[in-house]
Amino acid sequence: MTMIPDLVGRRAVILHRPDEGTQRLVRQLGLLGLEARVQWAPLDLEATPADIVLVDADQGWSGLLPWSGGSAPVPLVALLQSEAPGRIAWAISEGALAILPKPVTPAAVYPALVLAVTAHARGVEAAARMERLEERLRMRPLVHAAVRAIEVATVCDEEAAYAALRRAAMKRRITIEQTAAEMLAGVIPLSEAG
């Protein structure tokens, strides 16, 4: 079962021209326990820290958000009234993870925030997992070289050498790739794998 994220205490920045709709949105965010700020200027996350960004996708422009390519460092919710494909495409390209239709109704705010925060957390987790897998893939030649070195040092076949490398990794509680790198660097003696 998916856990519903806690929104209390988070900071929200609303990139929208101040109007009656943004006032209602700020009020609703406050009721949900978020601190909200409205601005209609390019976002600078260092000057204006935010945990969630809500952006007017109807009027947004390139450069309004400090990232590009859809890799938002925080959950992004698009405020959208238009059905224009170009506006929807802009929201997607900026990394929007949820849409909050305008005019904003109070009942729509919480679900949009939960969707965006959850999707962002999953994206961050997936990116970290992918980075770990890519690192392991880059280190595969080291594993092959270590297996080969164990084969030569202990006069055994590839399967036995790999099993020895795996045992050494388990004994040290580190990955096979790390163990292989340490063996090849001389930190772990090849005899330990035998």
C-alpha atoms as a PDB file:
ATOM      1  CA  MET A   1       0.000   0.000   0.000  1.00  0.00           C
ATOM      2  CA  THR A   2       1.289   3.451  -0.911  1.00  0.00           C
ATOM      3  CA  MET A   3       1.893   5.855   1.951  1.00  0.00           C
ATOM      4  CA  ILE A   4       0.234   9.257   1.663  1.00  0.00           C
ATOM      5  CA  PRO A   5       2.922  11.938   2.088  1.00  0.00           C
ATOM      6  CA  ASP A   6       2.661  14.402   4.944  1.00  0.00           C
ATOM      7  CA  LEU A   7       2.371  17.921   3.558  1.00  0.00           C
ATOM      8  CA  VAL A   8       2.369  19.789   6.868  1.00  0.00           C
ATOM      9  CA  GLY A   9       5.232  22.247   7.176  1.00  0.00           C
ATOM     10  CA  ARG A  10       6.190  22.170   3.504  1.00  0.00           C
ATOM     11  CA  ARG A  11       6.853  25.406   1.622  1.00  0.00           C
ATOM     12  CA  ALA A  12       4.935  26.051  -1.568  1.00  0.00           C
ATOM     13  CA  VAL A  13       5.734  28.684  -4.164  1.00  0.00           C
ATOM     14  CA  ILE A  14       2.925  29.663  -6.498  1.00  0.00           C
ATOM     15  CA  LEU A  15       4.200  31.144  -9.758  1.00  0.00           C
ATOM     16  CA  HIS A  16       1.106  33.042 -10.846  1.00  0.00           C
ATOM     17  CA  ARG A  17      -0.102  36.593 -11.113  1.00  0.00           C
ATOM     18  CA  PRO A  18      -1.735  37.526  -7.794  1.00  0.00           C
ATOM     19  CA  ASP A  19      -5.513  37.403  -8.118  1.00  0.00           C
ATOM     20  CA  GLU A  20      -8.575  36.108  -6.300  1.00  0.00           C
ATOM     21  CA  GLY A  21      -7.806  32.530  -7.395  1.00  0.00           C
ATOM     22  CA  THR A  22      -4.301  32.595  -5.960  1.00  0.00           C
ATOM     23  CA  GLN A  23      -5.666  34.032  -2.703  1.00  0.00           C
ATOM     24  CA  ARG A  24      -8.065  31.054  -2.451  1.00  0.00           C
ATOM     25  CA  LEU A  25      -5.192  28.696  -3.260  1.00  0.00           C
ATOM     26  CA  VAL A  26      -2.953  30.235  -0.574  1.00  0.00           C
ATOM     27  CA  ARG A  27      -5.803  29.907   1.931  1.00  0.00           C
ATOM     28  CA  GLN A  28      -6.373  26.244   1.016  1.00  0.00           C
ATOM     29  CA  LEU A  29      -2.655  25.454   1.199  1.00  0.00           C
ATOM     30  CA  GLY A  30      -2.593  27.054   4.651  1.00  0.00           C
ATOM     31  CA  LEU A  31      -5.487  24.835   5.765  1.00  0.00           C
ATOM     32  CA  LEU A  32      -3.454  21.828   4.604  1.00  0.00           C
ATOM     33  CA  GLY A  33      -0.493  22.989   6.717  1.00  0.00           C
ATOM     34  CA  LEU A  34       1.680  24.426   3.963  1.00  0.00           C
ATOM     35  CA  GLU A  35       3.347  27.819   3.962  1.00  0.00           C
ATOM     36  CA  ALA A  36       2.612  29.447   0.598  1.00  0.00           C
ATOM     37  CA  ARG A  37       4.117  32.355  -1.271  1.00  0.00           C
ATOM     38  CA  VAL A  38       2.910  33.896  -4.537  1.00  0.00           C
ATOM     39  CA  GLN A  39       5.234  35.470  -7.076  1.00  0.00           C
ATOM     40  CA  TRP A  40       5.141  36.175 -10.787  1.00  0.00           C
ATOM     41  CA  ALA A  41       8.832  36.225 -11.558  1.00  0.00           C
ATOM     42  CA  PRO A  42      11.382  33.569 -12.464  1.00  0.00           C
ATOM     43  CA  LEU A  43      11.934  31.141  -9.619  1.00  0.00           C
ATOM     44  CA  ASP A  44      15.259  31.078  -7.779  1.00  0.00           C
ATOM     45  CA  LEU A  45      15.220  28.128  -5.377  1.00  0.00           C
ATOM     46  CA  GLU A  46      18.206  29.482  -3.447  1.00  0.00           C
ATOM     47  CA  ALA A  47      16.533  32.837  -2.778  1.00  0.00           C
ATOM     48  CA  THR A  48      13.050  31.336  -2.404  1.00  0.00           C
ATOM     49  CA  PRO A  49      13.329  27.776  -1.082  1.00  0.00           C
ATOM     50  CA  ALA A  50      10.376  25.580  -2.006  1.00  0.00           C
ATOM     51  CA  ASP A  51       9.300  22.029  -1.342  1.00  0.00           C
ATOM     52  CA  ILE A  52       6.489  22.212  -3.915  1.00  0.00           C
ATOM     53  CA  VAL A  53       6.026  24.551  -6.876  1.00  0.00           C
ATOM     54  CA  LEU A  54       2.677  25.381  -8.460  1.00  0.00           C
ATOM     55  CA  VAL A  55       3.016  27.159 -11.791  1.00  0.00           C
ATOM     56  CA  ASP A  56       0.563  28.930 -14.084  1.00  0.00           C
ATOM     57  CA  ALA A  57       0.894  26.773 -17.182  1.00  0.00           C
ATOM     58  CA  ASP A  58      -1.453  29.052 -19.138  1.00  0.00           C
ATOM     59  CA  GLN A  59       0.979  31.974 -18.926  1.00  0.00           C
ATOM     60  CA  GLY A  60       4.284  30.233 -18.150  1.00  0.00           C
ATOM     61  CA  TRP A  61       7.317  30.827 -20.331  1.00  0.00           C
ATOM     62  CA  SER A  62      10.686  29.273 -20.878  1.00  0.00           C
ATOM     63  CA  GLY A  63      12.974  30.529 -18.116  1.00  0.00           C
ATOM     64  CA  LEU A  64      10.242  30.871 -15.483  1.00  0.00           C
ATOM     65  CA  LEU A  65      11.567  27.729 -13.804  1.00  0.00           C
ATOM     66  CA  PRO A  66      15.314  27.289 -13.138  1.00  0.00           C
ATOM     67  CA  TRP A  67      15.489  23.762 -14.575  1.00  0.00           C
ATOM     68  CA  SER A  68      14.930  22.369 -18.019  1.00  0.00           C
ATOM     69  CA  GLY A  69      14.188  19.035 -19.596  1.00  0.00           C
ATOM     70  CA  GLY A  70      11.522  17.991 -17.135  1.00  0.00           C
ATOM     71  CA  SER A  71      13.924  17.179 -14.297  1.00  0.00           C
ATOM     72  CA  ALA A  72      12.365  19.312 -11.584  1.00  0.00           C
ATOM     73  CA  PRO A  73      14.209  19.104  -8.255  1.00  0.00           C
ATOM     74  CA  VAL A  74      10.892  19.525  -6.404  1.00  0.00           C
ATOM     75  CA  PRO A  75       7.328  18.352  -7.098  1.00  0.00           C
ATOM     76  CA  LEU A  76       5.697  20.567  -9.733  1.00  0.00           C
ATOM     77  CA  VAL A  77       1.953  21.123 -10.156  1.00  0.00           C
ATOM     78  CA  ALA A  78       0.625  22.893 -13.257  1.00  0.00           C
ATOM     79  CA  LEU A  79      -2.240  25.339 -12.782  1.00  0.00           C
ATOM     80  CA  LEU A  80      -4.136  25.066 -16.039  1.00  0.00           C
ATOM     81  CA  GLN A  81      -7.360  26.409 -17.480  1.00  0.00           C
ATOM     82  CA  SER A  82      -6.573  26.080 -21.156  1.00  0.00           C
ATOM     83  CA  GLU A  83      -6.998  22.890 -23.141  1.00  0.00           C
ATOM     84  CA  ALA A  84      -4.402  24.057 -25.652  1.00  0.00           C
ATOM     85  CA  PRO A  85      -1.998  21.222 -26.465  1.00  0.00           C
ATOM     86  CA  GLY A  86       0.917  23.666 -26.441  1.00  0.00           C
ATOM     87  CA  ARG A  87       0.220  24.691 -22.834  1.00  0.00           C
ATOM     88  CA  ILE A  88      -0.113  21.082 -21.730  1.00  0.00           C
ATOM     89  CA  ALA A  89       3.110  20.232 -23.572  1.00  0.00           C
ATOM     90  CA  TRP A  90       4.856  23.152 -21.838  1.00  0.00           C
ATOM     91  CA  ALA A  91       3.733  21.848 -18.424  1.00  0.00           C
ATOM     92  CA  ILE A  92       4.971  18.356 -19.245  1.00  0.00           C
ATOM     93  CA  SER A  93       8.293  19.628 -20.578  1.00  0.00           C
ATOM     94  CA  GLU A  94       8.864  21.574 -17.356  1.00  0.00           C
ATOM     95  CA  GLY A  95       8.279  18.430 -15.283  1.00  0.00           C
ATOM     96  CA  ALA A  96       4.709  18.872 -14.034  1.00  0.00           C
ATOM     97  CA  LEU A  97       3.547  15.766 -12.212  1.00  0.00           C
ATOM     98  CA  ALA A  98      -0.046  16.849 -11.625  1.00  0.00           C
ATOM     99  CA  ILE A  99      -2.537  19.348 -13.013  1.00  0.00           C
ATOM    100  CA  LEU A 100      -4.723  21.564 -10.871  1.00  0.00           C
ATOM    101  CA  PRO A 101      -7.553  22.944 -13.023  1.00  0.00           C
ATOM    102  CA  LYS A 102      -8.356  26.646 -12.871  1.00  0.00           C
ATOM    103  CA  PRO A 103     -10.409  28.088 -11.389  1.00  0.00           C
ATOM    104  CA  VAL A 104      -9.033  26.162  -8.444  1.00  0.00           C
ATOM    105  CA  THR A 105     -11.545  24.395  -6.246  1.00  0.00           C
ATOM    106  CA  PRO A 106     -10.467  23.575  -2.681  1.00  0.00           C
ATOM    107  CA  ALA A 107     -11.293  19.866  -3.079  1.00  0.00           C
ATOM    108  CA  ALA A 108      -8.861  19.518  -6.000  1.00  0.00           C
ATOM    109  CA  VAL A 109      -5.786  20.907  -4.214  1.00  0.00           C
ATOM    110  CA  TYR A 110      -4.934  18.054  -1.841  1.00  0.00           C
ATOM    111  CA  PRO A 111      -5.161  15.243  -4.445  1.00  0.00           C
ATOM    112  CA  ALA A 112      -2.992  17.193  -6.907  1.00  0.00           C
ATOM    113  CA  LEU A 113      -0.343  17.830  -4.247  1.00  0.00           C
ATOM    114  CA  VAL A 114      -0.335  14.202  -3.096  1.00  0.00           C
ATOM    115  CA  LEU A 115       0.022  12.976  -6.681  1.00  0.00           C
ATOM    116  CA  ALA A 116       2.877  15.369  -7.428  1.00  0.00           C
ATOM    117  CA  VAL A 117       4.776  14.668  -4.190  1.00  0.00           C
ATOM    118  CA  THR A 118       4.360  10.893  -4.550  1.00  0.00           C
ATOM    119  CA  ALA A 119       5.340  10.867  -8.226  1.00  0.00           C
ATOM    120  CA  HIS A 120       8.378  13.045  -7.492  1.00  0.00           C
ATOM    121  CA  ALA A 121       9.535  10.755  -4.664  1.00  0.00           C
ATOM    122  CA  ARG A 122       9.168   7.729  -6.938  1.00  0.00           C
ATOM    123  CA  GLY A 123      11.106   9.492  -9.677  1.00  0.00           C
ATOM    124  CA  VAL A 124      13.943  10.363  -7.302  1.00  0.00           C
ATOM    125  CA  GLU A 125      14.033   6.767  -6.069  1.00  0.00           C
ATOM    126  CA  ALA A 126      14.046   5.390  -9.616  1.00  0.00           C
ATOM    127  CA  ALA A 127      16.843   7.761 -10.643  1.00  0.00           C
ATOM    128  CA  ALA A 128      18.953   6.681  -7.663  1.00  0.00           C
ATOM    129  CA  ARG A 129      18.337   3.014  -8.467  1.00  0.00           C
ATOM    130  CA  MET A 130      19.271   3.619 -12.105  1.00  0.00           C
ATOM    131  CA  GLU A 131      22.464   5.391 -11.062  1.00  0.00           C
ATOM    132  CA  ARG A 132      23.438   2.433  -8.851  1.00  0.00           C
ATOM    133  CA  LEU A 133      22.758  -0.009 -11.681  1.00  0.00           C
ATOM    134  CA  GLU A 134      24.760   2.065 -14.166  1.00  0.00           C
ATOM    135  CA  GLU A 135      27.663   2.191 -11.711  1.00  0.00           C
ATOM    136  CA  ARG A 136      27.551  -1.579 -11.329  1.00  0.00           C
ATOM    137  CA  LEU A 137      27.450  -1.951 -15.112  1.00  0.00           C
ATOM    138  CA  ARG A 138      30.511   0.309 -15.480  1.00  0.00           C
ATOM    139  CA  MET A 139      32.345  -1.857 -12.966  1.00  0.00           C
ATOM    140  CA  ARG A 140      31.551  -5.182 -14.681  1.00  0.00           C
ATOM    141  CA  PRO A 141      34.915  -5.242 -16.481  1.00  0.00           C
ATOM    142  CA  LEU A 142      36.568  -5.136 -13.041  1.00  0.00           C
ATOM    143  CA  VAL A 143      34.516  -8.140 -11.947  1.00  0.00           C
ATOM    144  CA  HIS A 144      35.599 -10.039 -15.040  1.00  0.00           C
ATOM    145  CA  ALA A 145      39.240  -9.094 -14.446  1.00  0.00           C
ATOM    146  CA  ALA A 146      39.038 -10.138 -10.776  1.00  0.00           C
ATOM    147  CA  VAL A 147      37.433 -13.459 -11.682  1.00  0.00           C
ATOM    148  CA  ARG A 148      40.220 -14.020 -14.216  1.00  0.00           C
ATOM    149  CA  ALA A 149      42.877 -13.145 -11.611  1.00  0.00           C
ATOM    150  CA  ILE A 150      41.326 -15.564  -9.106  1.00  0.00           C
ATOM    151  CA  GLU A 151      41.229 -18.300 -11.772  1.00  0.00           C
ATOM    152  CA  VAL A 152      44.942 -17.866 -12.431  1.00  0.00           C
ATOM    153  CA  ALA A 153      45.941 -17.502  -8.769  1.00  0.00           C
ATOM    154  CA  THR A 154      43.944 -20.480  -7.487  1.00  0.00           C
ATOM    155  CA  VAL A 155      43.941 -22.638 -10.643  1.00  0.00           C
ATOM    156  CA  CYS A 156      40.186 -23.029 -10.843  1.00  0.00           C
ATOM    157  CA  ASP A 157      37.475 -22.535 -13.425  1.00  0.00           C
ATOM    158  CA  GLU A 158      35.434 -19.355 -13.996  1.00  0.00           C
ATOM    159  CA  GLU A 159      32.423 -20.567 -12.026  1.00  0.00           C
ATOM    160  CA  ALA A 160      34.516 -21.401  -8.951  1.00  0.00           C
ATOM    161  CA  ALA A 161      36.392 -18.098  -9.218  1.00  0.00           C
ATOM    162  CA  TYR A 162      33.139 -16.133  -9.393  1.00  0.00           C
ATOM    163  CA  ALA A 163      31.774 -18.060  -6.392  1.00  0.00           C
ATOM    164  CA  ALA A 164      34.971 -17.209  -4.473  1.00  0.00           C
ATOM    165  CA  LEU A 165      34.600 -13.530  -5.374  1.00  0.00           C
ATOM    166  CA  ARG A 166      30.964 -13.605  -4.274  1.00  0.00           C
ATOM    167  CA  ARG A 167      31.917 -15.225  -0.919  1.00  0.00           C
ATOM    168  CA  ALA A 168      34.574 -12.557  -0.329  1.00  0.00           C
ATOM    169  CA  ALA A 169      32.005  -9.828  -1.064  1.00  0.00           C
ATOM    170  CA  MET A 170      29.472 -11.383   1.286  1.00  0.00           C
ATOM    171  CA  LYS A 171      32.093 -11.786   4.005  1.00  0.00           C
ATOM    172  CA  ARG A 172      32.969  -8.075   3.755  1.00  0.00           C
ATOM    173  CA  ARG A 173      29.331  -7.042   3.179  1.00  0.00           C
ATOM    174  CA  ILE A 174      30.123  -5.018   0.101  1.00  0.00           C
ATOM    175  CA  THR A 175      29.133  -5.443  -3.528  1.00  0.00           C
ATOM    176  CA  ILE A 176      30.892  -7.858  -5.831  1.00  0.00           C
ATOM    177  CA  GLU A 177      32.001  -4.871  -7.903  1.00  0.00           C
ATOM    178  CA  GLN A 178      33.595  -3.166  -4.891  1.00  0.00           C
ATOM    179  CA  THR A 179      35.271  -6.414  -3.860  1.00  0.00           C
ATOM    180  CA  ALA A 180      36.645  -6.901  -7.378  1.00  0.00           C
ATOM    181  CA  ALA A 181      38.024  -3.345  -7.439  1.00  0.00           C
ATOM    182  CA  GLU A 182      39.676  -3.819  -4.049  1.00  0.00           C
ATOM    183  CA  MET A 183      41.194  -7.158  -5.079  1.00  0.00           C
ATOM    184  CA  LEU A 184      42.613  -5.703  -8.261  1.00  0.00           C
ATOM    185  CA  ALA A 185      43.997  -2.745  -6.311  1.00  0.00           C
ATOM    186  CA  GLY A 186      45.648  -5.109  -3.811  1.00  0.00           C
ATOM    187  CA  VAL A 187      43.536  -4.002  -0.856  1.00  0.00           C
ATOM    188  CA  ILE A 188      42.075  -7.499  -0.533  1.00  0.00           C
ATOM    189  CA  PRO A 189      44.524 -10.337  -1.184  1.00  0.00           C
ATOM    190  CA  LEU A 190      43.513 -12.781  -3.913  1.00  0.00           C
ATOM    191  CA  SER A 191      44.103 -15.585  -1.403  1.00  0.00           C
ATOM    192  CA  GLU A 192      41.068 -14.346   0.553  1.00  0.00           C
ATOM    193  CA  ALA A 193      38.896 -15.319  -2.406  1.00  0.00           C
ATOM    194  CA  GLY A 194      40.336 -18.821  -2.543  1.00  0.00           C
END
